Amino acid sequence: MKELGEYLKRTRISNGVSIAEAAEDLELSTSQLENIESGNVRAFKDVYELRANIKLYAKYLGLDSDKVADEFNNFLFQH
């Protein structure tokens, strides 16, 4: 998950978007995005909500949200 989070963070930065701006646009808290970007899965109580937020974030960043969601699913199955 850490690698996926770092990928999302690098993409956000390369898109010139601050974490505060992304959080506001997605109607998520900055701490939620920070936890996603740092790979802190334990910060989320609901893994399905986390998956939905990751998919939403990926789409917002212009990434293939289904591919990113698949990467997250692979992480879950491995751990």
PDB file of N, CA and C in Angstrom:
ATOM      1  N   MET A   1       0.833  -1.200   0.000  1.00  0.00           N
ATOM      2  CA  MET A   1       0.000   0.000   0.000  1.00  0.00           C
ATOM      3  C   MET A   1       0.871   1.255   0.000  1.00  0.00           C
ATOM      4  N   LYS A   2       2.018   1.164   0.643  1.00  0.00           N
ATOM      5  CA  LYS A   2       2.889   2.330   0.697  1.00  0.00           C
ATOM      6  C   LYS A   2       3.302   2.762  -0.707  1.00  0.00           C
ATOM      7  N   GLU A   3       3.622   1.790  -1.566  1.00  0.00           N
ATOM      8  CA  GLU A   3       4.023   2.115  -2.935  1.00  0.00           C
ATOM      9  C   GLU A   3       2.883   2.788  -3.695  1.00  0.00           C
ATOM     10  N   LEU A   4       1.674   2.285  -3.503  1.00  0.00           N
ATOM     11  CA  LEU A   4       0.507   2.869  -4.167  1.00  0.00           C
ATOM     12  C   LEU A   4       0.275   4.295  -3.674  1.00  0.00           C
ATOM     13  N   GLY A   5       0.385   4.494  -2.376  1.00  0.00           N
ATOM     14  CA  GLY A   5       0.224   5.830  -1.808  1.00  0.00           C
ATOM     15  C   GLY A   5       1.260   6.806  -2.327  1.00  0.00           C
ATOM     16  N   GLU A   6       2.499   6.335  -2.429  1.00  0.00           N
ATOM     17  CA  GLU A   6       3.564   7.193  -2.947  1.00  0.00           C
ATOM     18  C   GLU A   6       3.323   7.541  -4.419  1.00  0.00           C
ATOM     19  N   TYR A   7       2.798   6.584  -5.163  1.00  0.00           N
ATOM     20  CA  TYR A   7       2.457   6.824  -6.575  1.00  0.00           C
ATOM     21  C   TYR A   7       1.383   7.909  -6.683  1.00  0.00           C
ATOM     22  N   LEU A   8       0.365   7.818  -5.849  1.00  0.00           N
ATOM     23  CA  LEU A   8      -0.698   8.827  -5.858  1.00  0.00           C
ATOM     24  C   LEU A   8      -0.134  10.197  -5.466  1.00  0.00           C
ATOM     25  N   LYS A   9       0.729  10.221  -4.478  1.00  0.00           N
ATOM     26  CA  LYS A   9       1.332  11.488  -4.030  1.00  0.00           C
ATOM     27  C   LYS A   9       2.183  12.100  -5.132  1.00  0.00           C
ATOM     28  N   ARG A  10       3.026  11.292  -5.769  1.00  0.00           N
ATOM     29  CA  ARG A  10       3.872  11.809  -6.863  1.00  0.00           C
ATOM     30  C   ARG A  10       3.015  12.364  -7.988  1.00  0.00           C
ATOM     31  N   THR A  11       1.929  11.671  -8.295  1.00  0.00           N
ATOM     32  CA  THR A  11       1.038  12.133  -9.365  1.00  0.00           C
ATOM     33  C   THR A  11       0.386  13.453  -8.984  1.00  0.00           C
ATOM     34  N   ARG A  12      -0.069  13.552  -7.741  1.00  0.00           N
ATOM     35  CA  ARG A  12      -0.689  14.806  -7.278  1.00  0.00           C
ATOM     36  C   ARG A  12       0.299  15.953  -7.392  1.00  0.00           C
ATOM     37  N   ILE A  13       1.508  15.742  -6.930  1.00  0.00           N
ATOM     38  CA  ILE A  13       2.530  16.790  -6.960  1.00  0.00           C
ATOM     39  C   ILE A  13       2.866  17.168  -8.403  1.00  0.00           C
ATOM     40  N   SER A  14       3.007  16.174  -9.263  1.00  0.00           N
ATOM     41  CA  SER A  14       3.333  16.469 -10.664  1.00  0.00           C
ATOM     42  C   SER A  14       2.190  17.190 -11.369  1.00  0.00           C
ATOM     43  N   ASN A  15       0.971  17.010 -10.866  1.00  0.00           N
ATOM     44  CA  ASN A  15      -0.181  17.726 -11.416  1.00  0.00           C
ATOM     45  C   ASN A  15      -0.287  19.143 -10.845  1.00  0.00           C
ATOM     46  N   GLY A  16       0.580  19.472  -9.886  1.00  0.00           N
ATOM     47  CA  GLY A  16       0.581  20.814  -9.302  1.00  0.00           C
ATOM     48  C   GLY A  16      -0.583  21.076  -8.367  1.00  0.00           C
ATOM     49  N   VAL A  17      -1.057  20.024  -7.706  1.00  0.00           N
ATOM     50  CA  VAL A  17      -2.212  20.139  -6.809  1.00  0.00           C
ATOM     51  C   VAL A  17      -1.726  19.959  -5.373  1.00  0.00           C
ATOM     52  N   SER A  18      -2.117  20.879  -4.507  1.00  0.00           N
ATOM     53  CA  SER A  18      -1.767  20.728  -3.092  1.00  0.00           C
ATOM     54  C   SER A  18      -2.696  19.702  -2.462  1.00  0.00           C
ATOM     55  N   ILE A  19      -2.259  19.155  -1.342  1.00  0.00           N
ATOM     56  CA  ILE A  19      -3.101  18.163  -0.665  1.00  0.00           C
ATOM     57  C   ILE A  19      -4.384  18.819  -0.146  1.00  0.00           C
ATOM     58  N   ALA A  20      -4.286  20.077   0.275  1.00  0.00           N
ATOM     59  CA  ALA A  20      -5.471  20.799   0.755  1.00  0.00           C
ATOM     60  C   ALA A  20      -6.471  21.010  -0.382  1.00  0.00           C
ATOM     61  N   GLU A  21      -5.964  21.357  -1.561  1.00  0.00           N
ATOM     62  CA  GLU A  21      -6.832  21.565  -2.720  1.00  0.00           C
ATOM     63  C   GLU A  21      -7.521  20.265  -3.127  1.00  0.00           C
ATOM     64  N   ALA A  22      -6.761  19.172  -3.150  1.00  0.00           N
ATOM     65  CA  ALA A  22      -7.337  17.878  -3.509  1.00  0.00           C
ATOM     66  C   ALA A  22      -8.394  17.466  -2.496  1.00  0.00           C
ATOM     67  N   ALA A  23      -8.104  17.656  -1.218  1.00  0.00           N
ATOM     68  CA  ALA A  23      -9.060  17.295  -0.169  1.00  0.00           C
ATOM     69  C   ALA A  23     -10.354  18.082  -0.314  1.00  0.00           C
ATOM     70  N   GLU A  24     -10.218  19.373  -0.587  1.00  0.00           N
ATOM     71  CA  GLU A  24     -11.413  20.208  -0.755  1.00  0.00           C
ATOM     72  C   GLU A  24     -12.213  19.776  -1.981  1.00  0.00           C
ATOM     73  N   ASP A  25     -11.525  19.536  -3.096  1.00  0.00           N
ATOM     74  CA  ASP A  25     -12.208  19.126  -4.328  1.00  0.00           C
ATOM     75  C   ASP A  25     -12.922  17.784  -4.162  1.00  0.00           C
ATOM     76  N   LEU A  26     -12.322  16.879  -3.394  1.00  0.00           N
ATOM     77  CA  LEU A  26     -12.887  15.539  -3.223  1.00  0.00           C
ATOM     78  C   LEU A  26     -13.821  15.430  -2.025  1.00  0.00           C
ATOM     79  N   GLU A  27     -13.914  16.521  -1.250  1.00  0.00           N
ATOM     80  CA  GLU A  27     -14.720  16.548  -0.034  1.00  0.00           C
ATOM     81  C   GLU A  27     -14.268  15.475   0.951  1.00  0.00           C
ATOM     82  N   LEU A  28     -12.934  15.352   1.069  1.00  0.00           N
ATOM     83  CA  LEU A  28     -12.303  14.481   2.051  1.00  0.00           C
ATOM     84  C   LEU A  28     -11.444  15.353   2.954  1.00  0.00           C
ATOM     85  N   SER A  29     -11.060  14.828   4.094  1.00  0.00           N
ATOM     86  CA  SER A  29     -10.168  15.600   4.959  1.00  0.00           C
ATOM     87  C   SER A  29      -8.733  15.446   4.469  1.00  0.00           C
ATOM     88  N   THR A  30      -7.910  16.430   4.780  1.00  0.00           N
ATOM     89  CA  THR A  30      -6.503  16.326   4.401  1.00  0.00           C
ATOM     90  C   THR A  30      -5.858  15.129   5.094  1.00  0.00           C
ATOM     91  N   SER A  31      -6.285  14.834   6.313  1.00  0.00           N
ATOM     92  CA  SER A  31      -5.704  13.679   7.013  1.00  0.00           C
ATOM     93  C   SER A  31      -6.048  12.372   6.308  1.00  0.00           C
ATOM     94  N   GLN A  32      -7.237  12.276   5.716  1.00  0.00           N
ATOM     95  CA  GLN A  32      -7.577  11.073   4.956  1.00  0.00           C
ATOM     96  C   GLN A  32      -6.628  10.897   3.770  1.00  0.00           C
ATOM     97  N   LEU A  33      -6.394  11.985   3.037  1.00  0.00           N
ATOM     98  CA  LEU A  33      -5.487  11.899   1.891  1.00  0.00           C
ATOM     99  C   LEU A  33      -4.054  11.645   2.343  1.00  0.00           C
ATOM    100  N   GLU A  34      -3.647  12.269   3.433  1.00  0.00           N
ATOM    101  CA  GLU A  34      -2.296  12.029   3.952  1.00  0.00           C
ATOM    102  C   GLU A  34      -2.121  10.567   4.334  1.00  0.00           C
ATOM    103  N   ASN A  35      -3.140   9.973   4.943  1.00  0.00           N
ATOM    104  CA  ASN A  35      -3.070   8.560   5.317  1.00  0.00           C
ATOM    105  C   ASN A  35      -3.055   7.654   4.093  1.00  0.00           C
ATOM    106  N   ILE A  36      -3.796   8.005   3.063  1.00  0.00           N
ATOM    107  CA  ILE A  36      -3.759   7.238   1.815  1.00  0.00           C
ATOM    108  C   ILE A  36      -2.366   7.321   1.206  1.00  0.00           C
ATOM    109  N   GLU A  37      -1.840   8.526   1.121  1.00  0.00           N
ATOM    110  CA  GLU A  37      -0.532   8.727   0.497  1.00  0.00           C
ATOM    111  C   GLU A  37       0.605   8.079   1.282  1.00  0.00           C
ATOM    112  N   SER A  38       0.452   7.962   2.582  1.00  0.00           N
ATOM    113  CA  SER A  38       1.501   7.334   3.397  1.00  0.00           C
ATOM    114  C   SER A  38       1.289   5.827   3.537  1.00  0.00           C
ATOM    115  N   GLY A  39       0.164   5.333   3.017  1.00  0.00           N
ATOM    116  CA  GLY A  39      -0.109   3.899   3.088  1.00  0.00           C
ATOM    117  C   GLY A  39      -0.596   3.440   4.444  1.00  0.00           C
ATOM    118  N   ASN A  40      -1.138   4.337   5.219  1.00  0.00           N
ATOM    119  CA  ASN A  40      -1.603   4.024   6.573  1.00  0.00           C
ATOM    120  C   ASN A  40      -3.030   3.472   6.535  1.00  0.00           C
ATOM    121  N   VAL A  41      -3.134   2.207   6.213  1.00  0.00           N
ATOM    122  CA  VAL A  41      -4.443   1.552   6.085  1.00  0.00           C
ATOM    123  C   VAL A  41      -5.146   1.487   7.434  1.00  0.00           C
ATOM    124  N   ARG A  42      -4.392   1.373   8.498  1.00  0.00           N
ATOM    125  CA  ARG A  42      -4.983   1.232   9.841  1.00  0.00           C
ATOM    126  C   ARG A  42      -5.768   2.467  10.282  1.00  0.00           C
ATOM    127  N   ALA A  43      -5.567   3.583   9.607  1.00  0.00           N
ATOM    128  CA  ALA A  43      -6.279   4.808   9.962  1.00  0.00           C
ATOM    129  C   ALA A  43      -7.744   4.760   9.525  1.00  0.00           C
ATOM    130  N   PHE A  44      -8.079   3.756   8.725  1.00  0.00           N
ATOM    131  CA  PHE A  44      -9.437   3.649   8.196  1.00  0.00           C
ATOM    132  C   PHE A  44     -10.145   2.449   8.809  1.00  0.00           C
ATOM    133  N   LYS A  45     -11.359   2.673   9.256  1.00  0.00           N
ATOM    134  CA  LYS A  45     -12.140   1.596   9.874  1.00  0.00           C
ATOM    135  C   LYS A  45     -12.800   0.699   8.835  1.00  0.00           C
ATOM    136  N   ASP A  46     -13.151   1.270   7.706  1.00  0.00           N
ATOM    137  CA  ASP A  46     -13.889   0.545   6.675  1.00  0.00           C
ATOM    138  C   ASP A  46     -13.034   0.416   5.417  1.00  0.00           C
ATOM    139  N   VAL A  47     -12.608  -0.802   5.105  1.00  0.00           N
ATOM    140  CA  VAL A  47     -11.739  -1.031   3.959  1.00  0.00           C
ATOM    141  C   VAL A  47     -12.461  -0.730   2.638  1.00  0.00           C
ATOM    142  N   TYR A  48     -13.776  -0.897   2.618  1.00  0.00           N
ATOM    143  CA  TYR A  48     -14.542  -0.618   1.404  1.00  0.00           C
ATOM    144  C   TYR A  48     -14.622   0.883   1.138  1.00  0.00           C
ATOM    145  N   GLU A  49     -14.756   1.648   2.204  1.00  0.00           N
ATOM    146  CA  GLU A  49     -14.747   3.111   2.059  1.00  0.00           C
ATOM    147  C   GLU A  49     -13.355   3.577   1.620  1.00  0.00           C
ATOM    148  N   LEU A  50     -12.331   2.972   2.184  1.00  0.00           N
ATOM    149  CA  LEU A  50     -10.962   3.305   1.791  1.00  0.00           C
ATOM    150  C   LEU A  50     -10.760   3.020   0.310  1.00  0.00           C
ATOM    151  N   ARG A  51     -11.209   1.870  -0.150  1.00  0.00           N
ATOM    152  CA  ARG A  51     -11.077   1.511  -1.569  1.00  0.00           C
ATOM    153  C   ARG A  51     -11.805   2.528  -2.445  1.00  0.00           C
ATOM    154  N   ALA A  52     -13.000   2.920  -2.043  1.00  0.00           N
ATOM    155  CA  ALA A  52     -13.773   3.901  -2.808  1.00  0.00           C
ATOM    156  C   ALA A  52     -13.048   5.248  -2.843  1.00  0.00           C
ATOM    157  N   ASN A  53     -12.457   5.647  -1.720  1.00  0.00           N
ATOM    158  CA  ASN A  53     -11.725   6.914  -1.676  1.00  0.00           C
ATOM    159  C   ASN A  53     -10.475   6.867  -2.545  1.00  0.00           C
ATOM    160  N   ILE A  54      -9.785   5.735  -2.545  1.00  0.00           N
ATOM    161  CA  ILE A  54      -8.600   5.582  -3.390  1.00  0.00           C
ATOM    162  C   ILE A  54      -8.994   5.659  -4.860  1.00  0.00           C
ATOM    163  N   LYS A  55     -10.070   5.003  -5.197  1.00  0.00           N
ATOM    164  CA  LYS A  55     -10.544   5.012  -6.591  1.00  0.00           C
ATOM    165  C   LYS A  55     -10.944   6.435  -7.008  1.00  0.00           C
ATOM    166  N   LEU A  56     -11.648   7.136  -6.141  1.00  0.00           N
ATOM    167  CA  LEU A  56     -12.051   8.518  -6.397  1.00  0.00           C
ATOM    168  C   LEU A  56     -10.826   9.417  -6.559  1.00  0.00           C
ATOM    169  N   TYR A  57      -9.852   9.233  -5.705  1.00  0.00           N
ATOM    170  CA  TYR A  57      -8.620  10.025  -5.743  1.00  0.00           C
ATOM    171  C   TYR A  57      -7.859   9.765  -7.040  1.00  0.00           C
ATOM    172  N   ALA A  58      -7.764   8.506  -7.425  1.00  0.00           N
ATOM    173  CA  ALA A  58      -7.070   8.150  -8.668  1.00  0.00           C
ATOM    174  C   ALA A  58      -7.745   8.801  -9.875  1.00  0.00           C
ATOM    175  N   LYS A  59      -9.060   8.745  -9.903  1.00  0.00           N
ATOM    176  CA  LYS A  59      -9.807   9.354 -11.015  1.00  0.00           C
ATOM    177  C   LYS A  59      -9.576  10.861 -11.038  1.00  0.00           C
ATOM    178  N   TYR A  60      -9.598  11.480  -9.869  1.00  0.00           N
ATOM    179  CA  TYR A  60      -9.353  12.917  -9.746  1.00  0.00           C
ATOM    180  C   TYR A  60      -7.980  13.285 -10.298  1.00  0.00           C
ATOM    181  N   LEU A  61      -7.006  12.412 -10.075  1.00  0.00           N
ATOM    182  CA  LEU A  61      -5.638  12.665 -10.530  1.00  0.00           C
ATOM    183  C   LEU A  61      -5.423  12.324 -11.997  1.00  0.00           C
ATOM    184  N   GLY A  62      -6.463  11.826 -12.659  1.00  0.00           N
ATOM    185  CA  GLY A  62      -6.360  11.502 -14.078  1.00  0.00           C
ATOM    186  C   GLY A  62      -5.773  10.128 -14.343  1.00  0.00           C
ATOM    187  N   LEU A  63      -5.782   9.276 -13.328  1.00  0.00           N
ATOM    188  CA  LEU A  63      -5.259   7.926 -13.463  1.00  0.00           C
ATOM    189  C   LEU A  63      -6.378   6.951 -13.813  1.00  0.00           C
ATOM    190  N   ASP A  64      -6.008   5.756 -14.214  1.00  0.00           N
ATOM    191  CA  ASP A  64      -6.978   4.690 -14.460  1.00  0.00           C
ATOM    192  C   ASP A  64      -7.445   4.184 -13.098  1.00  0.00           C
ATOM    193  N   SER A  65      -8.628   4.618 -12.666  1.00  0.00           N
ATOM    194  CA  SER A  65      -9.097   4.311 -11.312  1.00  0.00           C
ATOM    195  C   SER A  65      -9.317   2.819 -11.103  1.00  0.00           C
ATOM    196  N   ASP A  66      -9.721   2.103 -12.145  1.00  0.00           N
ATOM    197  CA  ASP A  66      -9.912   0.656 -12.004  1.00  0.00           C
ATOM    198  C   ASP A  66      -8.576  -0.050 -11.782  1.00  0.00           C
ATOM    199  N   LYS A  67      -7.549   0.391 -12.484  1.00  0.00           N
ATOM    200  CA  LYS A  67      -6.216  -0.206 -12.315  1.00  0.00           C
ATOM    201  C   LYS A  67      -5.687   0.063 -10.911  1.00  0.00           C
ATOM    202  N   VAL A  68      -5.864   1.272 -10.430  1.00  0.00           N
ATOM    203  CA  VAL A  68      -5.417   1.623  -9.085  1.00  0.00           C
ATOM    204  C   VAL A  68      -6.198   0.814  -8.046  1.00  0.00           C
ATOM    205  N   ALA A  69      -7.505   0.662  -8.244  1.00  0.00           N
ATOM    206  CA  ALA A  69      -8.319  -0.139  -7.327  1.00  0.00           C
ATOM    207  C   ALA A  69      -7.865  -1.595  -7.340  1.00  0.00           C
ATOM    208  N   ASP A  70      -7.492  -2.105  -8.506  1.00  0.00           N
ATOM    209  CA  ASP A  70      -6.972  -3.475  -8.595  1.00  0.00           C
ATOM    210  C   ASP A  70      -5.669  -3.619  -7.810  1.00  0.00           C
ATOM    211  N   GLU A  71      -4.804  -2.612  -7.887  1.00  0.00           N
ATOM    212  CA  GLU A  71      -3.559  -2.627  -7.117  1.00  0.00           C
ATOM    213  C   GLU A  71      -3.857  -2.667  -5.618  1.00  0.00           C
ATOM    214  N   PHE A  72      -4.849  -1.899  -5.206  1.00  0.00           N
ATOM    215  CA  PHE A  72      -5.246  -1.893  -3.797  1.00  0.00           C
ATOM    216  C   PHE A  72      -5.791  -3.262  -3.396  1.00  0.00           C
ATOM    217  N   ASN A  73      -6.623  -3.850  -4.249  1.00  0.00           N
ATOM    218  CA  ASN A  73      -7.165  -5.182  -3.968  1.00  0.00           C
ATOM    219  C   ASN A  73      -6.044  -6.208  -3.832  1.00  0.00           C
ATOM    220  N   ASN A  74      -5.039  -6.124  -4.697  1.00  0.00           N
ATOM    221  CA  ASN A  74      -3.893  -7.039  -4.597  1.00  0.00           C
ATOM    222  C   ASN A  74      -3.188  -6.884  -3.260  1.00  0.00           C
ATOM    223  N   PHE A  75      -3.048  -5.656  -2.815  1.00  0.00           N
ATOM    224  CA  PHE A  75      -2.430  -5.404  -1.515  1.00  0.00           C
ATOM    225  C   PHE A  75      -3.246  -6.079  -0.414  1.00  0.00           C
ATOM    226  N   LEU A  76      -4.579  -5.915  -0.462  1.00  0.00           N
ATOM    227  CA  LEU A  76      -5.421  -6.508   0.566  1.00  0.00           C
ATOM    228  C   LEU A  76      -5.299  -8.022   0.605  1.00  0.00           C
ATOM    229  N   PHE A  77      -5.283  -8.656  -0.557  1.00  0.00           N
ATOM    230  CA  PHE A  77      -5.205 -10.108  -0.605  1.00  0.00           C
ATOM    231  C   PHE A  77      -3.854 -10.618  -0.107  1.00  0.00           C
ATOM    232  N   GLN A  78      -2.804  -9.831  -0.270  1.00  0.00           N
ATOM    233  CA  GLN A  78      -1.480 -10.236   0.195  1.00  0.00           C
ATOM    234  C   GLN A  78      -1.333 -10.055   1.708  1.00  0.00           C
ATOM    235  N   HIS A  79      -2.118  -9.155   2.272  1.00  0.00           N
ATOM    236  CA  HIS A  79      -1.993  -8.873   3.719  1.00  0.00           C
ATOM    237  C   HIS A  79      -3.276  -9.261   4.382  1.00  0.00           C
TER     238      HIS A  79
END
